[in-house]
Amino acid sequence: MPTLNISLDTSKYRTPTQKDVLAAKEYVLQREEAATSLSSKIDALLMIAVEKIVQICYKYNVDPQLLIFDYDFNEDMMEEIAAVMDELEDEILDMLRDEATSCTKNPKRINWLIAWMALLGKNKRNLRQTLHIYLQKFMKDIEAAVAAVKYAEYDLSRAVTTIKTHLHTIYTIPAVYAAFKISDQFKATYILSKGVQQGAVGLSNNGSTNVVNMCRTTLQMVWMKNTETLTQTNEETDEEEVIPDNPFTQEEEVLVGYYVARGSNFPCQVCDDACGFYLLQQYRGVLPVHPHCQCYAIPIYELKTT
């Protein structure tokens, strides 16, 4: 990375030390390590669900060309699949809460972050509602995969292995690609559409990828939220109290804001535009500026006067 030039009003603010800069960089590295670990754990949960759903479909020995995950098709089969999906949703949310709040050990701060995180979502939906939609897409991906491999006469073991191996690339499975050529002979939603998801600008054609990306991004947002000065309302007095344990706050100094700096050389105008100094109130919600943002926030302290 090029030399970092920080422009500040030095009559008000102390220029960050090398220690301040390194601490900010290290925090983002730890955040990305946590996000990578979370991704692997979410993948593991998705693979368990895949195996359970494939086993259910093979147990009912349904006609692959008629297969669709719908109560009108086979109510008993759908009840079992819905139970798997409900359990998966709860497990992902629990794991996300635990991993995202690993940025602090302060109980008050953890509770505040969990409450804030629950409100995150897309298109005016909260976190659970957004996850539910992505998991429904994932379920329909598995519907297409099962229909295709069953039509290709894969046995149960081969079907499970194949779909798990292609967890994030369902529509490159040879049997699925072959089914596309006779798509009008199937009922499965994403065989009929040849893997194309309608009205999903910016999303992957694989629901599993959307689930993992959502979890990664949520964790990143929570970690950066933890760098802010968090407050909560005291139920007894209706007054706000500061929740301590900001990872950058030094007891002997007054934290006044953050300087956002680029954390990678990858060309990104959005990140370039976000760089600069923010007072505490201005900084809220700035980072990450996009799902793969590596920008970091350097703490800026009030200049001590003697």
C-alpha atoms as a PDB file:
ATOM      1  CA  MET A   1       0.000   0.000   0.000  1.00  0.00           C
ATOM      2  CA  PRO A   2       1.192   3.579  -0.666  1.00  0.00           C
ATOM      3  CA  THR A   3       2.272   5.810   2.203  1.00  0.00           C
ATOM      4  CA  LEU A   4      -0.760   6.967   4.171  1.00  0.00           C
ATOM      5  CA  ASN A   5      -1.142  10.743   4.302  1.00  0.00           C
ATOM      6  CA  ILE A   6      -3.647  11.843   6.940  1.00  0.00           C
ATOM      7  CA  SER A   7      -4.952  15.380   6.728  1.00  0.00           C
ATOM      8  CA  LEU A   8      -6.259  16.667  10.078  1.00  0.00           C
ATOM      9  CA  ASP A   9      -6.692  19.919  11.962  1.00  0.00           C
ATOM     10  CA  THR A  10      -3.725  19.403  14.274  1.00  0.00           C
ATOM     11  CA  SER A  11      -4.855  22.285  16.457  1.00  0.00           C
ATOM     12  CA  LYS A  12      -7.776  20.081  17.578  1.00  0.00           C
ATOM     13  CA  TYR A  13      -6.766  16.481  16.956  1.00  0.00           C
ATOM     14  CA  ARG A  14      -3.718  14.380  17.706  1.00  0.00           C
ATOM     15  CA  THR A  15      -2.075  12.882  14.646  1.00  0.00           C
ATOM     16  CA  PRO A  16      -2.436   9.075  14.766  1.00  0.00           C
ATOM     17  CA  THR A  17       0.632   7.127  15.778  1.00  0.00           C
ATOM     18  CA  GLN A  18       1.936   4.070  13.961  1.00  0.00           C
ATOM     19  CA  LYS A  19       0.452   2.052  16.811  1.00  0.00           C
ATOM     20  CA  ASP A  20      -3.013   3.538  16.100  1.00  0.00           C
ATOM     21  CA  VAL A  21      -2.743   2.688  12.400  1.00  0.00           C
ATOM     22  CA  LEU A  22      -1.523  -0.858  13.018  1.00  0.00           C
ATOM     23  CA  ALA A  23      -4.295  -1.477  15.567  1.00  0.00           C
ATOM     24  CA  ALA A  24      -6.900  -0.388  13.009  1.00  0.00           C
ATOM     25  CA  LYS A  25      -5.413  -2.653  10.336  1.00  0.00           C
ATOM     26  CA  GLU A  26      -5.198  -5.573  12.747  1.00  0.00           C
ATOM     27  CA  TYR A  27      -8.852  -5.148  13.704  1.00  0.00           C
ATOM     28  CA  VAL A  28      -9.940  -5.505  10.071  1.00  0.00           C
ATOM     29  CA  LEU A  29      -7.661  -8.533   9.613  1.00  0.00           C
ATOM     30  CA  GLN A  30      -9.277 -10.161  12.647  1.00  0.00           C
ATOM     31  CA  ARG A  31     -12.698  -9.270  11.255  1.00  0.00           C
ATOM     32  CA  GLU A  32     -11.892 -10.929   7.918  1.00  0.00           C
ATOM     33  CA  GLU A  33     -10.545 -14.004   9.686  1.00  0.00           C
ATOM     34  CA  ALA A  34     -13.822 -14.239  11.611  1.00  0.00           C
ATOM     35  CA  ALA A  35     -15.810 -13.779   8.387  1.00  0.00           C
ATOM     36  CA  THR A  36     -13.862 -16.542   6.638  1.00  0.00           C
ATOM     37  CA  SER A  37     -14.379 -18.880   9.580  1.00  0.00           C
ATOM     38  CA  LEU A  38     -18.098 -18.066   9.606  1.00  0.00           C
ATOM     39  CA  SER A  39     -18.359 -18.800   5.870  1.00  0.00           C
ATOM     40  CA  SER A  40     -16.925 -22.285   6.387  1.00  0.00           C
ATOM     41  CA  LYS A  41     -19.306 -22.982   9.263  1.00  0.00           C
ATOM     42  CA  ILE A  42     -22.327 -21.804   7.264  1.00  0.00           C
ATOM     43  CA  ASP A  43     -21.242 -24.022   4.371  1.00  0.00           C
ATOM     44  CA  ALA A  44     -21.104 -26.983   6.755  1.00  0.00           C
ATOM     45  CA  LEU A  45     -24.679 -26.304   7.927  1.00  0.00           C
ATOM     46  CA  LEU A  46     -25.903 -25.990   4.344  1.00  0.00           C
ATOM     47  CA  MET A  47     -24.276 -29.300   3.400  1.00  0.00           C
ATOM     48  CA  ILE A  48     -25.973 -31.075   6.301  1.00  0.00           C
ATOM     49  CA  ALA A  49     -29.304 -29.691   5.097  1.00  0.00           C
ATOM     50  CA  VAL A  50     -28.558 -30.796   1.521  1.00  0.00           C
ATOM     51  CA  GLU A  51     -27.927 -34.354   2.646  1.00  0.00           C
ATOM     52  CA  LYS A  52     -31.131 -34.455   4.707  1.00  0.00           C
ATOM     53  CA  ILE A  53     -33.282 -33.048   1.898  1.00  0.00           C
ATOM     54  CA  VAL A  54     -31.851 -35.386  -0.754  1.00  0.00           C
ATOM     55  CA  GLN A  55     -32.458 -38.362   1.547  1.00  0.00           C
ATOM     56  CA  ILE A  56     -36.067 -37.248   2.067  1.00  0.00           C
ATOM     57  CA  CYS A  57     -36.676 -36.959  -1.684  1.00  0.00           C
ATOM     58  CA  TYR A  58     -35.191 -40.371  -2.383  1.00  0.00           C
ATOM     59  CA  LYS A  59     -37.187 -41.900   0.456  1.00  0.00           C
ATOM     60  CA  TYR A  60     -40.446 -40.799  -1.154  1.00  0.00           C
ATOM     61  CA  ASN A  61     -39.226 -42.032  -4.557  1.00  0.00           C
ATOM     62  CA  VAL A  62     -41.011 -39.272  -6.452  1.00  0.00           C
ATOM     63  CA  ASP A  63     -41.042 -38.866 -10.227  1.00  0.00           C
ATOM     64  CA  PRO A  64     -38.111 -36.463 -10.894  1.00  0.00           C
ATOM     65  CA  GLN A  65     -39.893 -34.757 -13.788  1.00  0.00           C
ATOM     66  CA  LEU A  66     -42.864 -33.959 -11.550  1.00  0.00           C
ATOM     67  CA  LEU A  67     -40.797 -33.075  -8.478  1.00  0.00           C
ATOM     68  CA  ILE A  68     -41.502 -29.685  -6.939  1.00  0.00           C
ATOM     69  CA  PHE A  69     -41.123 -28.628  -3.316  1.00  0.00           C
ATOM     70  CA  ASP A  70     -44.742 -27.764  -2.691  1.00  0.00           C
ATOM     71  CA  TYR A  71     -47.371 -29.038  -0.270  1.00  0.00           C
ATOM     72  CA  ASP A  72     -49.776 -29.712  -3.145  1.00  0.00           C
ATOM     73  CA  PHE A  73     -47.241 -32.102  -4.693  1.00  0.00           C
ATOM     74  CA  ASN A  74     -46.513 -34.213  -1.621  1.00  0.00           C
ATOM     75  CA  GLU A  75     -47.605 -32.870   1.761  1.00  0.00           C
ATOM     76  CA  ASP A  76     -45.720 -35.430   3.878  1.00  0.00           C
ATOM     77  CA  MET A  77     -42.461 -34.902   1.985  1.00  0.00           C
ATOM     78  CA  MET A  78     -42.832 -31.135   2.206  1.00  0.00           C
ATOM     79  CA  GLU A  79     -43.466 -31.265   5.949  1.00  0.00           C
ATOM     80  CA  GLU A  80     -40.131 -33.033   6.416  1.00  0.00           C
ATOM     81  CA  ILE A  81     -38.285 -30.642   4.125  1.00  0.00           C
ATOM     82  CA  ALA A  82     -39.838 -27.609   5.868  1.00  0.00           C
ATOM     83  CA  ALA A  83     -38.659 -28.961   9.229  1.00  0.00           C
ATOM     84  CA  VAL A  84     -35.103 -29.218   7.884  1.00  0.00           C
ATOM     85  CA  MET A  85     -35.265 -25.663   6.541  1.00  0.00           C
ATOM     86  CA  ASP A  86     -36.671 -24.249   9.794  1.00  0.00           C
ATOM     87  CA  GLU A  87     -33.892 -25.912  11.777  1.00  0.00           C
ATOM     88  CA  LEU A  88     -31.296 -24.621   9.308  1.00  0.00           C
ATOM     89  CA  GLU A  89     -32.581 -21.053   9.603  1.00  0.00           C
ATOM     90  CA  ASP A  90     -32.394 -21.143  13.410  1.00  0.00           C
ATOM     91  CA  GLU A  91     -28.909 -22.679  13.385  1.00  0.00           C
ATOM     92  CA  ILE A  92     -27.575 -20.071  10.951  1.00  0.00           C
ATOM     93  CA  LEU A  93     -28.994 -17.193  12.997  1.00  0.00           C
ATOM     94  CA  ASP A  94     -27.558 -18.595  16.230  1.00  0.00           C
ATOM     95  CA  MET A  95     -24.157 -19.091  14.646  1.00  0.00           C
ATOM     96  CA  LEU A  96     -24.208 -15.641  13.071  1.00  0.00           C
ATOM     97  CA  ARG A  97     -25.034 -13.999  16.393  1.00  0.00           C
ATOM     98  CA  ASP A  98     -22.218 -15.835  18.173  1.00  0.00           C
ATOM     99  CA  GLU A  99     -19.577 -15.224  15.498  1.00  0.00           C
ATOM    100  CA  ALA A 100     -20.540 -11.614  14.774  1.00  0.00           C
ATOM    101  CA  THR A 101     -20.401 -10.589  18.439  1.00  0.00           C
ATOM    102  CA  SER A 102     -17.042 -12.275  19.004  1.00  0.00           C
ATOM    103  CA  CYS A 103     -15.569  -8.772  18.490  1.00  0.00           C
ATOM    104  CA  THR A 104     -16.271  -7.984  22.155  1.00  0.00           C
ATOM    105  CA  LYS A 105     -16.538  -9.726  25.514  1.00  0.00           C
ATOM    106  CA  ASN A 106     -18.625  -6.969  27.094  1.00  0.00           C
ATOM    107  CA  PRO A 107     -22.111  -8.463  27.870  1.00  0.00           C
ATOM    108  CA  LYS A 108     -23.913  -5.111  27.485  1.00  0.00           C
ATOM    109  CA  ARG A 109     -22.203  -4.477  24.195  1.00  0.00           C
ATOM    110  CA  ILE A 110     -23.031  -7.988  22.940  1.00  0.00           C
ATOM    111  CA  ASN A 111     -26.725  -7.540  23.769  1.00  0.00           C
ATOM    112  CA  TRP A 112     -26.777  -4.130  22.068  1.00  0.00           C
ATOM    113  CA  LEU A 113     -25.088  -5.485  18.939  1.00  0.00           C
ATOM    114  CA  ILE A 114     -27.480  -8.459  18.740  1.00  0.00           C
ATOM    115  CA  ALA A 115     -30.479  -6.127  18.977  1.00  0.00           C
ATOM    116  CA  TRP A 116     -29.021  -3.856  16.280  1.00  0.00           C
ATOM    117  CA  MET A 117     -28.098  -6.794  14.044  1.00  0.00           C
ATOM    118  CA  ALA A 118     -31.647  -8.186  14.182  1.00  0.00           C
ATOM    119  CA  LEU A 119     -32.870  -5.110  12.311  1.00  0.00           C
ATOM    120  CA  LEU A 120     -30.466  -5.553   9.399  1.00  0.00           C
ATOM    121  CA  GLY A 121     -31.925  -6.766   6.141  1.00  0.00           C
ATOM    122  CA  LYS A 122     -32.805  -5.842   2.579  1.00  0.00           C
ATOM    123  CA  ASN A 123     -35.866  -4.110   1.121  1.00  0.00           C
ATOM    124  CA  LYS A 124     -37.329  -3.109   4.507  1.00  0.00           C
ATOM    125  CA  ARG A 125     -37.011  -6.659   5.861  1.00  0.00           C
ATOM    126  CA  ASN A 126     -35.201  -7.602   9.067  1.00  0.00           C
ATOM    127  CA  LEU A 127     -32.333 -10.078   9.330  1.00  0.00           C
ATOM    128  CA  ARG A 128     -34.454 -13.215   9.775  1.00  0.00           C
ATOM    129  CA  GLN A 129     -36.844 -12.275   6.984  1.00  0.00           C
ATOM    130  CA  THR A 130     -33.981 -11.628   4.580  1.00  0.00           C
ATOM    131  CA  LEU A 131     -32.253 -14.877   5.490  1.00  0.00           C
ATOM    132  CA  HIS A 132     -35.545 -16.744   5.051  1.00  0.00           C
ATOM    133  CA  ILE A 133     -35.878 -15.485   1.472  1.00  0.00           C
ATOM    134  CA  TYR A 134     -32.307 -16.514   0.613  1.00  0.00           C
ATOM    135  CA  LEU A 135     -32.872 -19.952   2.134  1.00  0.00           C
ATOM    136  CA  GLN A 136     -36.038 -20.402   0.072  1.00  0.00           C
ATOM    137  CA  LYS A 137     -33.923 -19.804  -3.022  1.00  0.00           C
ATOM    138  CA  PHE A 138     -31.381 -22.325  -1.725  1.00  0.00           C
ATOM    139  CA  MET A 139     -34.181 -24.853  -1.221  1.00  0.00           C
ATOM    140  CA  LYS A 140     -35.382 -24.378  -4.800  1.00  0.00           C
ATOM    141  CA  ASP A 141     -31.798 -24.874  -6.024  1.00  0.00           C
ATOM    142  CA  ILE A 142     -31.786 -28.244  -4.278  1.00  0.00           C
ATOM    143  CA  GLU A 143     -35.174 -29.008  -5.827  1.00  0.00           C
ATOM    144  CA  ALA A 144     -33.674 -28.515  -9.300  1.00  0.00           C
ATOM    145  CA  ALA A 145     -30.556 -30.523  -8.463  1.00  0.00           C
ATOM    146  CA  VAL A 146     -32.506 -33.458  -7.023  1.00  0.00           C
ATOM    147  CA  ALA A 147     -34.892 -33.547  -9.980  1.00  0.00           C
ATOM    148  CA  ALA A 148     -31.976 -33.565 -12.413  1.00  0.00           C
ATOM    149  CA  VAL A 149     -29.761 -36.168 -10.723  1.00  0.00           C
ATOM    150  CA  LYS A 150     -32.709 -38.433  -9.994  1.00  0.00           C
ATOM    151  CA  TYR A 151     -33.770 -38.232 -13.644  1.00  0.00           C
ATOM    152  CA  ALA A 152     -30.158 -39.107 -14.560  1.00  0.00           C
ATOM    153  CA  GLU A 153     -30.559 -42.172 -12.309  1.00  0.00           C
ATOM    154  CA  TYR A 154     -27.921 -41.237  -9.730  1.00  0.00           C
ATOM    155  CA  ASP A 155     -28.181 -43.439  -6.667  1.00  0.00           C
ATOM    156  CA  LEU A 156     -28.610 -41.759  -3.275  1.00  0.00           C
ATOM    157  CA  SER A 157     -24.923 -41.742  -2.370  1.00  0.00           C
ATOM    158  CA  ARG A 158     -23.841 -40.247  -5.684  1.00  0.00           C
ATOM    159  CA  ALA A 159     -26.659 -37.703  -5.589  1.00  0.00           C
ATOM    160  CA  VAL A 160     -25.686 -36.460  -2.117  1.00  0.00           C
ATOM    161  CA  THR A 161     -21.976 -36.285  -2.967  1.00  0.00           C
ATOM    162  CA  THR A 162     -22.568 -34.492  -6.261  1.00  0.00           C
ATOM    163  CA  ILE A 163     -24.882 -31.821  -4.873  1.00  0.00           C
ATOM    164  CA  LYS A 164     -22.706 -31.172  -1.811  1.00  0.00           C
ATOM    165  CA  THR A 165     -19.625 -30.871  -4.036  1.00  0.00           C
ATOM    166  CA  HIS A 166     -21.465 -28.305  -6.170  1.00  0.00           C
ATOM    167  CA  LEU A 167     -22.979 -26.440  -3.225  1.00  0.00           C
ATOM    168  CA  HIS A 168     -22.202 -23.045  -4.810  1.00  0.00           C
ATOM    169  CA  THR A 169     -22.348 -24.173  -8.438  1.00  0.00           C
ATOM    170  CA  ILE A 170     -25.597 -26.166  -8.671  1.00  0.00           C
ATOM    171  CA  TYR A 171     -26.220 -25.217 -12.276  1.00  0.00           C
ATOM    172  CA  THR A 172     -22.892 -26.570 -13.505  1.00  0.00           C
ATOM    173  CA  ILE A 173     -23.747 -30.143 -12.460  1.00  0.00           C
ATOM    174  CA  PRO A 174     -23.766 -32.146 -15.739  1.00  0.00           C
ATOM    175  CA  ALA A 175     -27.121 -33.733 -14.918  1.00  0.00           C
ATOM    176  CA  VAL A 176     -28.672 -30.315 -14.278  1.00  0.00           C
ATOM    177  CA  TYR A 177     -27.228 -28.912 -17.495  1.00  0.00           C
ATOM    178  CA  ALA A 178     -28.652 -31.912 -19.360  1.00  0.00           C
ATOM    179  CA  ALA A 179     -32.062 -31.293 -17.792  1.00  0.00           C
ATOM    180  CA  PHE A 180     -32.016 -27.731 -19.116  1.00  0.00           C
ATOM    181  CA  LYS A 181     -32.106 -29.136 -22.668  1.00  0.00           C
ATOM    182  CA  ILE A 182     -35.508 -30.694 -21.964  1.00  0.00           C
ATOM    183  CA  SER A 183     -36.559 -28.160 -19.318  1.00  0.00           C
ATOM    184  CA  ASP A 184     -40.199 -28.072 -20.453  1.00  0.00           C
ATOM    185  CA  GLN A 185     -40.537 -31.703 -19.339  1.00  0.00           C
ATOM    186  CA  PHE A 186     -39.848 -30.788 -15.671  1.00  0.00           C
ATOM    187  CA  LYS A 187     -41.830 -29.061 -12.909  1.00  0.00           C
ATOM    188  CA  ALA A 188     -38.815 -27.930 -10.864  1.00  0.00           C
ATOM    189  CA  THR A 189     -38.809 -24.113 -10.847  1.00  0.00           C
ATOM    190  CA  TYR A 190     -35.167 -23.520 -11.704  1.00  0.00           C
ATOM    191  CA  ILE A 191     -34.963 -26.231 -14.328  1.00  0.00           C
ATOM    192  CA  LEU A 192     -37.882 -24.578 -16.099  1.00  0.00           C
ATOM    193  CA  SER A 193     -36.043 -21.223 -15.924  1.00  0.00           C
ATOM    194  CA  LYS A 194     -32.684 -22.883 -16.706  1.00  0.00           C
ATOM    195  CA  GLY A 195     -31.211 -21.590 -13.477  1.00  0.00           C
ATOM    196  CA  VAL A 196     -32.204 -17.976 -14.014  1.00  0.00           C
ATOM    197  CA  GLN A 197     -33.576 -16.235 -10.929  1.00  0.00           C
ATOM    198  CA  GLN A 198     -36.069 -13.501 -11.740  1.00  0.00           C
ATOM    199  CA  GLY A 199     -35.864 -10.087 -10.075  1.00  0.00           C
ATOM    200  CA  ALA A 200     -32.552 -10.723  -8.325  1.00  0.00           C
ATOM    201  CA  VAL A 201     -30.233  -7.934  -9.444  1.00  0.00           C
ATOM    202  CA  GLY A 202     -26.878  -8.199  -7.694  1.00  0.00           C
ATOM    203  CA  LEU A 203     -27.525 -11.686  -6.335  1.00  0.00           C
ATOM    204  CA  SER A 204     -25.908 -14.981  -7.226  1.00  0.00           C
ATOM    205  CA  ASN A 205     -27.898 -17.601  -9.127  1.00  0.00           C
ATOM    206  CA  ASN A 206     -27.012 -19.944  -6.256  1.00  0.00           C
ATOM    207  CA  GLY A 207     -28.948 -19.404  -3.040  1.00  0.00           C
ATOM    208  CA  SER A 208     -26.150 -20.880  -0.934  1.00  0.00           C
ATOM    209  CA  THR A 209     -23.796 -18.132  -2.101  1.00  0.00           C
ATOM    210  CA  ASN A 210     -26.337 -15.459  -1.194  1.00  0.00           C
ATOM    211  CA  VAL A 211     -26.741 -16.972   2.288  1.00  0.00           C
ATOM    212  CA  VAL A 212     -22.984 -17.038   2.916  1.00  0.00           C
ATOM    213  CA  ASN A 213     -22.433 -13.538   1.525  1.00  0.00           C
ATOM    214  CA  MET A 214     -25.250 -12.177   3.672  1.00  0.00           C
ATOM    215  CA  CYS A 215     -23.722 -13.726   6.789  1.00  0.00           C
ATOM    216  CA  ARG A 216     -20.237 -12.440   5.950  1.00  0.00           C
ATOM    217  CA  THR A 217     -21.515  -8.925   5.323  1.00  0.00           C
ATOM    218  CA  THR A 218     -23.594  -8.916   8.505  1.00  0.00           C
ATOM    219  CA  LEU A 219     -20.577  -9.973  10.571  1.00  0.00           C
ATOM    220  CA  GLN A 220     -18.468  -7.232   8.972  1.00  0.00           C
ATOM    221  CA  MET A 221     -21.123  -4.642   9.738  1.00  0.00           C
ATOM    222  CA  VAL A 222     -21.381  -5.744  13.367  1.00  0.00           C
ATOM    223  CA  TRP A 223     -17.616  -5.628  13.844  1.00  0.00           C
ATOM    224  CA  MET A 224     -17.472  -2.098  12.467  1.00  0.00           C
ATOM    225  CA  LYS A 225     -20.521  -1.090  14.514  1.00  0.00           C
ATOM    226  CA  ASN A 226     -18.530  -2.179  17.555  1.00  0.00           C
ATOM    227  CA  THR A 227     -15.979   0.565  16.837  1.00  0.00           C
ATOM    228  CA  GLU A 228     -18.678   3.183  17.370  1.00  0.00           C
ATOM    229  CA  THR A 229     -19.650   4.731  20.679  1.00  0.00           C
ATOM    230  CA  LEU A 230     -22.692   2.650  21.555  1.00  0.00           C
ATOM    231  CA  THR A 231     -25.462   3.922  23.807  1.00  0.00           C
ATOM    232  CA  GLN A 232     -28.576   2.423  25.333  1.00  0.00           C
ATOM    233  CA  THR A 233     -31.510   3.922  27.203  1.00  0.00           C
ATOM    234  CA  ASN A 234     -31.591   3.301  30.936  1.00  0.00           C
ATOM    235  CA  GLU A 235     -35.066   1.869  31.607  1.00  0.00           C
ATOM    236  CA  GLU A 236     -35.209   3.393  35.093  1.00  0.00           C
ATOM    237  CA  THR A 237     -34.173   6.947  34.218  1.00  0.00           C
ATOM    238  CA  ASP A 238     -34.928   7.157  30.441  1.00  0.00           C
ATOM    239  CA  GLU A 239     -31.436   8.583  30.069  1.00  0.00           C
ATOM    240  CA  GLU A 240     -28.858   7.251  27.628  1.00  0.00           C
ATOM    241  CA  GLU A 241     -25.722   5.631  28.965  1.00  0.00           C
ATOM    242  CA  VAL A 242     -22.559   4.889  27.040  1.00  0.00           C
ATOM    243  CA  ILE A 243     -21.722   1.211  26.669  1.00  0.00           C
ATOM    244  CA  PRO A 244     -17.955   0.974  27.254  1.00  0.00           C
ATOM    245  CA  ASP A 245     -15.351  -1.288  25.637  1.00  0.00           C
ATOM    246  CA  ASN A 246     -14.863   0.338  22.233  1.00  0.00           C
ATOM    247  CA  PRO A 247     -11.856  -1.633  20.900  1.00  0.00           C
ATOM    248  CA  PHE A 248      -9.912   1.548  20.085  1.00  0.00           C
ATOM    249  CA  THR A 249     -10.749   3.776  23.029  1.00  0.00           C
ATOM    250  CA  GLN A 250      -7.816   4.603  25.266  1.00  0.00           C
ATOM    251  CA  GLU A 251      -8.836   5.556  28.790  1.00  0.00           C
ATOM    252  CA  GLU A 252      -6.415   8.457  29.025  1.00  0.00           C
ATOM    253  CA  GLU A 253      -7.597  10.071  25.767  1.00  0.00           C
ATOM    254  CA  VAL A 254     -10.873  11.338  24.309  1.00  0.00           C
ATOM    255  CA  LEU A 255     -11.929   9.580  21.101  1.00  0.00           C
ATOM    256  CA  VAL A 256     -13.455  12.151  18.725  1.00  0.00           C
ATOM    257  CA  GLY A 257     -13.729  10.277  15.432  1.00  0.00           C
ATOM    258  CA  TYR A 258     -12.133   8.017  12.843  1.00  0.00           C
ATOM    259  CA  TYR A 259     -10.056   8.408   9.733  1.00  0.00           C
ATOM    260  CA  VAL A 260     -11.111   5.902   7.056  1.00  0.00           C
ATOM    261  CA  ALA A 261      -8.267   4.611   4.888  1.00  0.00           C
ATOM    262  CA  ARG A 262      -8.043   2.158   1.989  1.00  0.00           C
ATOM    263  CA  GLY A 263      -7.128  -1.385   2.998  1.00  0.00           C
ATOM    264  CA  SER A 264      -6.438  -2.750  -0.485  1.00  0.00           C
ATOM    265  CA  ASN A 265      -5.019  -1.676  -3.849  1.00  0.00           C
ATOM    266  CA  PHE A 266      -8.056  -2.953  -5.753  1.00  0.00           C
ATOM    267  CA  PRO A 267      -9.556  -0.071  -7.786  1.00  0.00           C
ATOM    268  CA  CYS A 268     -12.785   1.068  -6.116  1.00  0.00           C
ATOM    269  CA  GLN A 269     -14.237   4.553  -6.449  1.00  0.00           C
ATOM    270  CA  VAL A 270     -16.770   3.830  -3.710  1.00  0.00           C
ATOM    271  CA  CYS A 271     -13.987   3.134  -1.217  1.00  0.00           C
ATOM    272  CA  ASP A 272     -11.976   6.118  -2.476  1.00  0.00           C
ATOM    273  CA  ASP A 273     -14.952   8.397  -1.861  1.00  0.00           C
ATOM    274  CA  ALA A 274     -15.407   7.035   1.673  1.00  0.00           C
ATOM    275  CA  CYS A 275     -11.846   7.790   2.764  1.00  0.00           C
ATOM    276  CA  GLY A 276     -11.268  10.719   5.076  1.00  0.00           C
ATOM    277  CA  PHE A 277     -11.974  12.020   8.567  1.00  0.00           C
ATOM    278  CA  TYR A 278     -15.326  11.516  10.307  1.00  0.00           C
ATOM    279  CA  LEU A 279     -16.456  12.813  13.677  1.00  0.00           C
ATOM    280  CA  LEU A 280     -18.116  10.089  15.793  1.00  0.00           C
ATOM    281  CA  GLN A 281     -21.680  10.930  14.746  1.00  0.00           C
ATOM    282  CA  GLN A 282     -20.677  11.146  11.058  1.00  0.00           C
ATOM    283  CA  TYR A 283     -18.830   7.834  11.149  1.00  0.00           C
ATOM    284  CA  ARG A 284     -21.815   5.688  12.103  1.00  0.00           C
ATOM    285  CA  GLY A 285     -22.596   3.166   9.377  1.00  0.00           C
ATOM    286  CA  VAL A 286     -19.737   4.160   7.052  1.00  0.00           C
ATOM    287  CA  LEU A 287     -17.835   0.846   7.067  1.00  0.00           C
ATOM    288  CA  PRO A 288     -17.918  -1.508   5.343  1.00  0.00           C
ATOM    289  CA  VAL A 289     -18.967   0.480   2.277  1.00  0.00           C
ATOM    290  CA  HIS A 290     -19.634  -2.713   0.279  1.00  0.00           C
ATOM    291  CA  PRO A 291     -19.566  -6.502   0.945  1.00  0.00           C
ATOM    292  CA  HIS A 292     -15.856  -6.996   0.156  1.00  0.00           C
ATOM    293  CA  CYS A 293     -14.637  -3.701   1.599  1.00  0.00           C
ATOM    294  CA  GLN A 294     -11.220  -3.856   3.284  1.00  0.00           C
ATOM    295  CA  CYS A 295     -11.088  -0.216   4.383  1.00  0.00           C
ATOM    296  CA  TYR A 296     -10.125   0.366   7.997  1.00  0.00           C
ATOM    297  CA  ALA A 297     -10.932   3.033  10.580  1.00  0.00           C
ATOM    298  CA  ILE A 298      -8.078   4.713  12.440  1.00  0.00           C
ATOM    299  CA  PRO A 299      -9.097   6.201  15.809  1.00  0.00           C
ATOM    300  CA  ILE A 300      -8.616   9.961  16.098  1.00  0.00           C
ATOM    301  CA  TYR A 301      -8.170  11.488  19.553  1.00  0.00           C
ATOM    302  CA  GLU A 302      -8.601  14.973  20.901  1.00  0.00           C
ATOM    303  CA  LEU A 303      -5.357  16.938  21.146  1.00  0.00           C
ATOM    304  CA  LYS A 304      -4.213  17.154  24.747  1.00  0.00           C
ATOM    305  CA  THR A 305      -3.561  20.670  26.009  1.00  0.00           C
ATOM    306  CA  THR A 306      -1.039  21.387  28.715  1.00  0.00           C
END
